Amino acid sequence: MMSKKIKGLFSAALVLCIMLTLFSLGAYAANANVSCTLNQDVGSVMVYKGTSNIQSCSYNGSIPSGLQLSYIGADIYLAGTPTSTGSYSSDISMVTDAGNVTFTLTITVSEAVVPAPTQAPIQTNQRPVITKNPTGETVEVGGTAQFVARADGATSFVWRIVSADTTNTVTAAEAPSYFGVTVSGQDTERLTLSNIPKSMNGWAIECKFTNAAGSSYTTGAILTVTGGTTNSNNNNSNTNTSGNNTSNNNTTNTDLKAPTISTQPKGAQLSAGEKTTLSVTASAPATGTLTYQWYSSDTSSMSEIKAIDGANSASYTPTQTDGTKYYCVGVWVSKDGQKSTTTYSPLVEVSYGGSAGGQQSGELVLDDANSTSAPGATATPTANPSPTVSPTSSPEADNGNYDRGNSSTLIFYIVVAGLALLAVGGILIYLIVVNSRNGKGDDD
């Protein structure tokens, strides 16, 4: 029979093991992962379920803009509508009635998947089907006109300019040297012609769509040019060493002096979401109409500039693109169907850096069950966040996938508890053996 002393020691050791195990498990919370969709309300997602009331809670890291953390009793919730995509990670630290608890919260925000529109399949043995023909335009000399064409089933297309008697056809790529016109969008469904000369009056603009089965042609859109006089073709061009391109063609008049640029555009380094407007001030030495065309390039070389579709004013606001782009403007004078040589501004650099949305890493304190962090705010541990409505006590987790998963930290605590149990068990066995030997000695 086990003595009362041994029984007491065994009971104390067993209680010690149970407390150590519960403490190890209670001080640990498995990592939480939440997946949600951009601009969709997540409802109220429970990211931690505890057994002891939370006295204070804070996080160090970042969460997506539009989402907030709050706690009620022993549980922590995530609520709101995310407004930025990406993966965000925060280390959550809590002081509970049972001790300190920490875990890592990872939130992944993805773009909404938009189903691709369905359309009738195109027969592989059928030529492209024209769905949009360009329409005729009437402009004054030096004006701008746009033409739009579309077709289903085309693998390639070419914009063409056809003479009134259909005996002469010029591609859009050849038009600048043939007519002296400025062409942009020739590789898109929208063709833009700027600085149109009188010599293009009566010509038709059409698009040729092609696939393996053959080619289809849109109807010709007649271009009517009013004012000015017609000039004969003179296809000569040159580029000067200063980077200002000049062209001598059917509309270039060497007697018409080129404009001067008094205010050059300025480059900018921007963060995501910011905008800048490039502007230029030019003047003509004589009467005439100033015409502008903005260009862009991926390099700082004037030889690689491309005209920007529709950018034909004294100012231009670039669209946001990752990295760096270069911009310049060309200005010329038009009068009586003729144009001067073009004056170009130097290339300026516009670059974008940083990322939009998301909170910067920091620590934000969650004061109590009736307050959450203000969206997009960063504060010190002593910050007092603006109170907002807490999520419901019965969260709906359908809009967010919550998975605690496996964790090496959990394994560590289990191993520690197991080793403690083995140590106490070893002590008990030792005491039992000693007691048994003492009993035998008493019998002797």
Protein backbone atom coordinates (compact mmCIF):
# COMPACT_ATOMS: atom_id res chain seq x y z
CA MET A 1 0.00 0.00 0.00
CA MET A 2 1.16 3.52 -0.85
CA SER A 3 1.83 5.62 2.20
CA LYS A 4 -0.07 8.85 2.82
CA LYS A 5 3.13 10.80 2.22
CA ILE A 6 3.59 9.28 -1.22
CA LYS A 7 -0.07 9.87 -2.06
CA GLY A 8 0.28 13.53 -1.10
CA LEU A 9 3.38 13.96 -3.23
CA PHE A 10 1.69 12.25 -6.18
CA SER A 11 -1.36 14.52 -5.93
CA ALA A 12 0.78 17.66 -5.72
CA ALA A 13 2.86 16.58 -8.73
CA LEU A 14 -0.25 15.80 -10.77
CA VAL A 15 -1.77 19.21 -10.00
CA LEU A 16 1.54 20.88 -10.92
CA CYS A 17 1.63 19.07 -14.30
CA ILE A 18 -1.95 20.03 -15.11
CA MET A 19 -1.33 23.70 -14.25
CA LEU A 20 1.87 23.79 -16.29
CA THR A 21 0.16 22.23 -19.30
CA LEU A 22 -2.82 24.60 -19.14
CA PHE A 23 -0.53 27.60 -18.74
CA SER A 24 1.55 26.54 -21.74
CA LEU A 25 -1.51 26.09 -23.90
CA GLY A 26 -3.24 29.18 -22.53
CA ALA A 27 -0.26 31.42 -23.26
CA TYR A 28 -0.26 30.36 -26.90
CA ALA A 29 -2.68 31.17 -29.70
CA ALA A 30 -2.20 29.57 -33.12
CA ASN A 31 -1.58 31.92 -36.02
CA ALA A 32 -4.69 33.15 -37.86
CA ASN A 33 -5.08 33.59 -41.63
CA VAL A 34 -7.93 35.57 -43.20
CA SER A 35 -8.64 35.81 -46.93
CA CYS A 36 -11.03 38.45 -48.26
CA THR A 37 -11.95 40.30 -51.45
CA LEU A 38 -11.24 43.93 -52.35
CA ASN A 39 -14.14 46.33 -51.66
CA GLN A 40 -16.34 43.55 -50.18
CA ASP A 41 -17.52 43.74 -46.56
CA VAL A 42 -16.02 40.87 -44.53
CA GLY A 43 -18.82 41.10 -41.96
CA SER A 44 -17.35 40.23 -38.54
CA VAL A 45 -14.66 37.53 -38.56
CA MET A 46 -13.40 35.98 -35.32
CA VAL A 47 -9.60 35.76 -35.51
CA TYR A 48 -9.05 34.64 -31.90
CA LYS A 49 -11.31 32.75 -29.46
CA GLY A 50 -10.08 32.74 -25.92
CA THR A 51 -11.17 31.42 -22.53
CA SER A 52 -10.04 34.35 -20.37
CA ASN A 53 -11.19 37.96 -20.66
CA ILE A 54 -8.81 40.30 -22.46
CA GLN A 55 -7.59 43.22 -20.34
CA SER A 56 -5.64 45.00 -23.09
CA CYS A 57 -4.63 44.24 -26.65
CA SER A 58 -2.29 45.76 -29.25
CA TYR A 59 -0.78 44.84 -32.59
CA ASN A 60 2.53 45.59 -34.28
CA GLY A 61 2.48 45.40 -38.07
CA SER A 62 -0.08 46.38 -40.68
CA ILE A 63 -3.64 45.63 -41.73
CA PRO A 64 -5.38 46.61 -44.98
CA SER A 65 -7.03 50.02 -45.22
CA GLY A 66 -10.72 49.77 -44.38
CA LEU A 67 -10.41 46.90 -41.87
CA GLN A 68 -10.41 47.25 -38.09
CA LEU A 69 -9.60 44.98 -35.13
CA SER A 70 -11.58 44.96 -31.88
CA TYR A 71 -12.08 42.59 -28.96
CA ILE A 72 -15.11 41.61 -26.88
CA GLY A 73 -14.62 39.61 -23.71
CA ALA A 74 -12.10 36.89 -24.57
CA ASP A 75 -12.41 37.09 -28.39
CA ILE A 76 -10.86 39.27 -31.13
CA TYR A 77 -12.74 40.21 -34.33
CA LEU A 78 -11.89 41.67 -37.72
CA ALA A 79 -14.50 43.84 -39.46
CA GLY A 80 -14.85 46.36 -42.30
CA THR A 81 -14.34 46.56 -46.06
CA PRO A 82 -10.77 46.27 -47.43
CA THR A 83 -9.81 49.00 -49.91
CA SER A 84 -6.30 47.82 -50.85
CA THR A 85 -4.97 44.49 -52.12
CA GLY A 86 -1.93 42.60 -50.87
CA SER A 87 -0.77 40.46 -47.96
CA TYR A 88 -0.56 42.08 -44.51
CA SER A 89 0.88 40.65 -41.28
CA SER A 90 0.51 41.77 -37.65
CA ASP A 91 1.77 40.41 -34.33
CA ILE A 92 -1.13 40.51 -31.83
CA SER A 93 -0.23 40.84 -28.13
CA MET A 94 -2.85 40.42 -25.37
CA VAL A 95 -2.92 40.67 -21.60
CA THR A 96 -5.67 38.35 -20.34
CA ASP A 97 -6.88 37.26 -16.91
CA ALA A 98 -4.81 34.09 -17.39
CA GLY A 99 -1.61 35.79 -18.59
CA ASN A 100 0.00 37.10 -21.76
CA VAL A 101 -0.99 35.68 -25.17
CA THR A 102 0.53 36.37 -28.60
CA PHE A 103 -0.18 35.21 -32.14
CA THR A 104 0.37 36.37 -35.73
CA LEU A 105 -2.55 37.51 -37.91
CA THR A 106 -2.10 37.34 -41.71
CA ILE A 107 -4.68 39.03 -43.96
CA THR A 108 -4.70 38.51 -47.73
CA VAL A 109 -6.85 40.80 -49.90
CA SER A 110 -7.43 39.76 -53.52
CA GLU A 111 -9.05 41.40 -56.52
CA ALA A 112 -12.59 40.31 -57.32
CA VAL A 113 -12.69 37.81 -60.17
CA VAL A 114 -14.78 39.20 -63.01
CA PRO A 115 -16.14 36.48 -65.29
CA ALA A 116 -15.09 36.93 -68.89
CA PRO A 117 -17.96 37.99 -71.15
CA THR A 118 -19.24 35.23 -73.36
CA GLN A 119 -19.43 35.79 -77.08
CA ALA A 120 -20.33 33.71 -80.05
CA PRO A 121 -17.39 31.63 -81.32
CA ILE A 122 -15.85 32.73 -84.59
CA GLN A 123 -15.61 30.11 -87.30
CA THR A 124 -11.97 29.29 -88.07
CA ASN A 125 -12.76 29.21 -91.79
CA GLN A 126 -14.55 32.57 -91.73
CA ARG A 127 -13.00 35.91 -92.51
CA PRO A 128 -13.20 38.65 -89.85
CA VAL A 129 -16.69 40.00 -89.26
CA ILE A 130 -16.85 43.82 -89.27
CA THR A 131 -18.78 45.11 -86.24
CA LYS A 132 -17.91 48.83 -86.45
CA ASN A 133 -17.19 50.95 -89.54
CA PRO A 134 -15.42 54.33 -89.25
CA THR A 135 -17.52 57.41 -89.98
CA GLY A 136 -16.64 60.41 -92.13
CA GLU A 137 -15.16 63.57 -90.62
CA THR A 138 -15.02 67.23 -91.69
CA VAL A 139 -12.14 69.33 -90.35
CA GLU A 140 -10.34 72.53 -91.17
CA VAL A 141 -6.77 72.54 -92.40
CA GLY A 142 -4.46 71.66 -89.49
CA GLY A 143 -7.32 70.05 -87.56
CA THR A 144 -7.66 66.62 -85.91
CA ALA A 145 -9.97 63.70 -86.76
CA GLN A 146 -10.53 60.28 -85.17
CA PHE A 147 -11.76 57.05 -86.76
CA VAL A 148 -12.89 53.87 -84.97
CA ALA A 149 -13.19 50.37 -86.48
CA ARG A 150 -13.78 46.92 -84.97
CA ALA A 151 -14.10 43.33 -86.18
CA ASP A 152 -14.56 39.88 -84.62
CA GLY A 153 -12.14 37.07 -85.44
CA ALA A 154 -9.27 39.23 -86.72
CA THR A 155 -5.66 38.31 -85.92
CA SER A 156 -4.22 41.54 -87.38
CA PHE A 157 -5.35 44.81 -88.92
CA VAL A 158 -3.96 47.75 -90.89
CA TRP A 159 -5.33 51.29 -91.15
CA ARG A 160 -5.29 52.56 -94.76
CA ILE A 161 -5.91 55.90 -96.49
CA VAL A 162 -7.37 55.55 -99.99
CA SER A 163 -7.56 58.24 -102.70
CA ALA A 164 -10.93 59.40 -104.01
CA ASP A 165 -10.45 57.46 -107.29
CA THR A 166 -9.23 54.37 -105.32
CA THR A 167 -6.03 54.23 -107.41
CA ASN A 168 -3.71 55.14 -104.55
CA THR A 169 -3.55 53.55 -101.09
CA VAL A 170 -1.30 54.77 -98.25
CA THR A 171 -1.00 52.93 -94.91
CA ALA A 172 -1.27 54.89 -91.68
CA ALA A 173 2.40 54.14 -91.02
CA GLU A 174 3.34 55.79 -94.32
CA ALA A 175 1.01 58.77 -93.94
CA PRO A 176 3.39 61.07 -91.97
CA SER A 177 6.01 61.03 -94.75
CA TYR A 178 3.42 61.09 -97.56
CA PHE A 179 1.05 63.79 -96.29
CA GLY A 180 2.93 65.41 -93.41
CA VAL A 181 0.07 64.44 -91.10
CA THR A 182 0.62 63.35 -87.49
CA VAL A 183 -0.64 59.81 -86.88
CA SER A 184 -1.30 58.10 -83.53
CA GLY A 185 -3.20 54.97 -82.51
CA GLN A 186 -2.41 53.15 -85.74
CA ASP A 187 -2.02 49.90 -83.75
CA THR A 188 -5.33 50.37 -81.89
CA GLU A 189 -8.98 50.43 -82.87
CA ARG A 190 -8.95 54.27 -82.71
CA LEU A 191 -6.87 56.07 -85.36
CA THR A 192 -6.11 59.76 -84.75
CA LEU A 193 -4.92 62.13 -87.49
CA SER A 194 -3.61 65.55 -86.43
CA ASN A 195 -2.37 68.56 -88.40
CA ILE A 196 -4.42 67.37 -91.39
CA PRO A 197 -3.35 69.07 -94.66
CA LYS A 198 -5.60 70.24 -97.49
CA SER A 199 -4.15 67.54 -99.75
CA MET A 200 -6.07 64.86 -97.79
CA ASN A 201 -9.44 66.32 -98.79
CA GLY A 202 -11.63 63.61 -100.31
CA TRP A 203 -9.45 60.68 -99.25
CA ALA A 204 -11.12 57.81 -97.37
CA ILE A 205 -9.94 56.11 -94.19
CA GLU A 206 -10.60 52.37 -93.94
CA CYS A 207 -9.32 49.42 -91.90
CA LYS A 208 -8.28 46.04 -93.26
CA PHE A 209 -8.83 43.12 -90.85
CA THR A 210 -7.14 39.78 -91.54
CA ASN A 211 -7.11 36.18 -90.25
CA ALA A 212 -6.17 32.77 -91.66
CA ALA A 213 -9.35 32.67 -93.77
CA GLY A 214 -8.74 36.01 -95.48
CA SER A 215 -9.32 39.75 -95.12
CA SER A 216 -12.33 42.00 -94.58
CA TYR A 217 -12.47 45.76 -95.24
CA THR A 218 -14.53 48.39 -93.50
CA THR A 219 -16.36 50.98 -95.55
CA GLY A 220 -14.29 54.06 -96.31
CA ALA A 221 -14.83 57.11 -94.11
CA ILE A 222 -14.51 60.24 -96.29
CA LEU A 223 -12.26 62.96 -94.86
CA THR A 224 -13.38 66.47 -95.85
CA VAL A 225 -10.80 69.24 -95.31
CA THR A 226 -12.00 72.84 -95.55
CA GLY A 227 -9.94 76.02 -96.00
CA GLY A 228 -6.34 76.36 -97.22
CA THR A 229 -4.90 75.38 -100.60
CA THR A 230 -3.75 72.06 -101.97
CA ASN A 231 0.00 71.40 -102.19
CA SER A 232 1.87 68.80 -104.19
CA ASN A 233 3.64 65.92 -102.42
CA ASN A 234 7.25 66.45 -101.46
CA ASN A 235 8.41 63.57 -99.33
CA ASN A 236 11.68 64.70 -97.74
CA SER A 237 12.46 64.57 -94.03
CA ASN A 238 15.42 65.09 -91.73
CA THR A 239 16.29 65.13 -88.06
CA ASN A 240 18.61 67.78 -86.63
CA THR A 241 21.29 67.06 -84.05
CA SER A 242 19.61 69.04 -81.28
CA GLY A 243 16.80 66.49 -81.07
CA ASN A 244 14.20 68.71 -82.82
CA ASN A 245 12.69 66.74 -85.70
CA THR A 246 11.80 68.73 -88.82
CA SER A 247 9.93 67.53 -91.89
CA ASN A 248 9.81 68.96 -95.41
CA ASN A 249 6.73 67.56 -97.14
CA ASN A 250 3.64 68.62 -98.98
CA THR A 251 2.52 70.92 -96.13
CA THR A 252 5.85 72.13 -94.76
CA ASN A 253 6.58 75.75 -95.58
CA THR A 254 10.15 76.77 -94.86
CA ASP A 255 9.04 80.43 -95.02
CA LEU A 256 6.64 79.83 -92.12
CA LYS A 257 8.85 80.22 -89.05
CA ALA A 258 8.75 77.61 -86.33
CA PRO A 259 7.32 78.56 -82.91
CA THR A 260 9.47 79.13 -79.84
CA ILE A 261 8.95 77.47 -76.44
CA SER A 262 9.37 79.90 -73.55
CA THR A 263 8.29 77.59 -70.71
CA GLN A 264 9.42 73.97 -70.81
CA PRO A 265 7.58 71.07 -69.09
CA LYS A 266 9.00 69.83 -65.79
CA GLY A 267 9.41 66.21 -64.68
CA ALA A 268 8.27 64.80 -61.35
CA GLN A 269 8.80 61.93 -58.91
CA LEU A 270 5.42 60.82 -57.57
CA SER A 271 3.94 58.34 -55.14
CA ALA A 272 1.12 56.03 -56.11
CA GLY A 273 -2.14 57.96 -56.48
CA GLU A 274 -0.47 61.33 -57.11
CA LYS A 275 -0.74 63.21 -60.40
CA THR A 276 1.26 65.84 -62.22
CA THR A 277 0.44 68.02 -65.22
CA LEU A 278 3.08 68.77 -67.81
CA SER A 279 2.61 72.14 -69.50
CA VAL A 280 4.38 74.22 -72.10
CA THR A 281 4.17 77.84 -73.23
CA ALA A 282 4.85 78.50 -76.91
CA SER A 283 4.43 81.46 -79.23
CA ALA A 284 4.37 81.88 -83.01
CA PRO A 285 6.59 84.53 -84.62
CA ALA A 286 3.82 85.28 -87.13
CA THR A 287 0.10 84.77 -87.55
CA GLY A 288 -1.00 81.15 -87.63
CA THR A 289 -2.42 78.38 -85.50
CA LEU A 290 -0.29 76.67 -82.87
CA THR A 291 -0.66 72.88 -82.82
CA TYR A 292 0.58 70.65 -79.99
CA GLN A 293 1.38 66.92 -79.85
CA TRP A 294 2.67 65.18 -76.72
CA TYR A 295 4.94 62.16 -76.97
CA SER A 296 6.11 59.43 -74.57
CA SER A 297 9.06 57.06 -74.48
CA ASP A 298 10.36 54.26 -72.27
CA THR A 299 13.89 55.63 -72.68
CA SER A 300 15.51 59.06 -72.69
CA SER A 301 16.07 58.89 -76.47
CA MET A 302 14.18 61.28 -78.78
CA SER A 303 14.41 58.66 -81.54
CA GLU A 304 11.99 56.37 -79.64
CA ILE A 305 9.21 58.82 -78.83
CA LYS A 306 5.63 57.86 -79.74
CA ALA A 307 2.69 60.22 -80.15
CA ILE A 308 0.08 60.02 -77.36
CA ASP A 309 -3.43 59.59 -78.72
CA GLY A 310 -5.56 62.69 -78.02
CA ALA A 311 -2.79 64.67 -76.27
CA ASN A 312 -3.04 67.80 -78.43
CA SER A 313 -3.15 70.73 -76.01
CA ALA A 314 -0.59 72.89 -74.23
CA SER A 315 -0.79 70.65 -71.15
CA TYR A 316 -0.95 66.92 -70.52
CA THR A 317 -1.51 64.80 -67.40
CA PRO A 318 0.27 61.44 -67.68
CA THR A 319 -1.54 58.30 -66.63
CA GLN A 320 0.03 56.47 -63.69
CA THR A 321 2.46 53.74 -64.77
CA ASP A 322 4.91 51.72 -62.71
CA GLY A 323 8.50 52.87 -63.03
CA THR A 324 9.71 55.74 -65.20
CA LYS A 325 8.52 57.24 -68.49
CA TYR A 326 9.79 60.20 -70.49
CA TYR A 327 7.62 62.89 -72.10
CA CYS A 328 8.05 65.78 -74.51
CA VAL A 329 5.85 67.98 -76.69
CA GLY A 330 6.12 69.06 -80.31
CA VAL A 331 4.73 72.45 -81.39
CA TRP A 332 4.28 73.79 -84.91
CA VAL A 333 2.46 76.61 -86.71
CA SER A 334 -0.24 75.95 -89.33
CA LYS A 335 -1.47 78.52 -91.84
CA ASP A 336 -3.31 78.25 -95.16
CA GLY A 337 -2.81 74.48 -95.39
CA GLN A 338 0.90 74.71 -94.63
CA LYS A 339 2.91 73.99 -91.51
CA SER A 340 6.18 75.14 -90.05
CA THR A 341 8.92 72.87 -88.84
CA THR A 342 8.25 71.37 -85.41
CA THR A 343 9.88 72.63 -82.23
CA TYR A 344 10.33 69.94 -79.58
CA SER A 345 10.78 70.35 -75.84
CA PRO A 346 13.45 68.26 -74.08
CA LEU A 347 12.38 64.90 -72.67
CA VAL A 348 11.38 65.08 -68.99
CA GLU A 349 11.20 62.17 -66.57
CA VAL A 350 8.04 61.18 -64.67
CA SER A 351 8.42 58.29 -62.22
CA TYR A 352 6.13 56.59 -59.72
CA GLY A 353 7.20 54.85 -56.53
CA GLY A 354 5.64 53.47 -53.31
CA SER A 355 2.28 51.74 -53.00
CA ALA A 356 -1.25 52.91 -52.37
CA GLY A 357 -3.38 51.77 -49.44
CA GLY A 358 -2.50 49.74 -46.35
CA GLN A 359 -1.33 50.93 -42.98
CA GLN A 360 2.34 51.31 -42.21
CA SER A 361 3.84 49.00 -39.63
CA GLY A 362 3.30 50.33 -36.17
CA GLU A 363 1.51 49.63 -32.94
CA LEU A 364 -2.10 50.49 -32.37
CA VAL A 365 -3.80 49.88 -29.05
CA LEU A 366 -7.28 48.40 -28.83
CA ASP A 367 -8.60 50.01 -25.65
CA ASP A 368 -11.76 48.10 -24.87
CA ALA A 369 -14.67 46.17 -26.27
CA ASN A 370 -16.35 49.35 -27.58
CA SER A 371 -13.45 50.87 -29.50
CA THR A 372 -11.47 50.00 -32.62
CA SER A 373 -8.62 51.58 -34.47
CA ALA A 374 -9.44 54.35 -36.92
CA PRO A 375 -9.00 53.15 -40.56
CA GLY A 376 -5.61 53.95 -42.01
CA ALA A 377 -4.22 55.33 -38.70
CA THR A 378 -0.90 54.56 -37.04
CA ALA A 379 -0.33 55.29 -33.35
CA THR A 380 1.98 54.61 -30.44
CA PRO A 381 1.03 52.11 -27.70
CA THR A 382 -0.45 55.01 -25.68
CA ALA A 383 -2.69 56.20 -28.53
CA ASN A 384 -6.38 56.60 -27.83
CA PRO A 385 -8.23 55.45 -30.97
CA SER A 386 -11.56 56.96 -31.95
CA PRO A 387 -14.45 54.80 -30.72
CA THR A 388 -16.53 53.00 -33.33
CA VAL A 389 -19.27 50.40 -33.20
CA SER A 390 -17.97 46.97 -32.17
CA PRO A 391 -18.72 43.93 -34.33
CA THR A 392 -21.58 41.67 -33.33
CA SER A 393 -20.94 39.02 -30.72
CA SER A 394 -22.06 36.36 -33.22
CA PRO A 395 -19.77 37.03 -36.21
CA GLU A 396 -20.57 35.74 -39.66
CA ALA A 397 -17.39 34.23 -41.05
CA ASP A 398 -18.84 33.27 -44.46
CA ASN A 399 -17.11 36.23 -46.16
CA GLY A 400 -13.65 35.36 -44.86
CA ASN A 401 -11.78 32.08 -44.61
CA TYR A 402 -10.25 31.60 -41.19
CA ASP A 403 -7.64 28.89 -40.63
CA ARG A 404 -5.43 28.55 -37.59
CA GLY A 405 -3.29 25.82 -39.20
CA ASN A 406 -0.22 24.19 -37.64
CA SER A 407 2.46 26.00 -35.66
CA SER A 408 5.92 25.11 -34.45
CA THR A 409 5.26 27.26 -31.36
CA LEU A 410 2.35 25.02 -30.36
CA ILE A 411 4.59 21.95 -30.73
CA PHE A 412 7.20 23.64 -28.54
CA TYR A 413 4.74 24.22 -25.68
CA ILE A 414 3.40 20.67 -25.93
CA VAL A 415 6.93 19.28 -25.77
CA VAL A 416 7.70 21.46 -22.72
CA ALA A 417 4.56 20.26 -20.95
CA GLY A 418 5.36 16.64 -21.82
CA LEU A 419 8.93 16.92 -20.50
CA ALA A 420 7.62 18.46 -17.28
CA LEU A 421 5.19 15.58 -16.89
CA LEU A 422 7.96 13.04 -17.43
CA ALA A 423 10.18 14.80 -14.89
CA VAL A 424 7.48 14.75 -12.22
CA GLY A 425 6.69 11.13 -13.06
CA GLY A 426 10.34 10.22 -12.62
CA ILE A 427 10.41 11.87 -9.22
CA LEU A 428 7.30 9.93 -8.17
CA ILE A 429 8.80 6.62 -9.30
CA TYR A 430 11.97 7.40 -7.37
CA LEU A 431 9.99 8.18 -4.21
CA ILE A 432 7.98 4.98 -4.57
CA VAL A 433 11.15 2.89 -4.92
CA VAL A 434 12.73 4.59 -1.92
CA ASN A 435 9.57 4.05 0.12
CA SER A 436 9.47 0.40 -0.88
CA ARG A 437 13.07 -0.17 0.24
CA ASN A 438 12.40 1.57 3.54
CA GLY A 439 9.42 -0.68 4.07
CA LYS A 440 11.50 -3.79 3.54
CA GLY A 441 14.06 -2.48 5.98
CA ASP A 442 11.35 -2.04 8.61
CA ASP A 443 10.19 -5.63 8.06
CA ASP A 444 13.68 -6.91 8.68
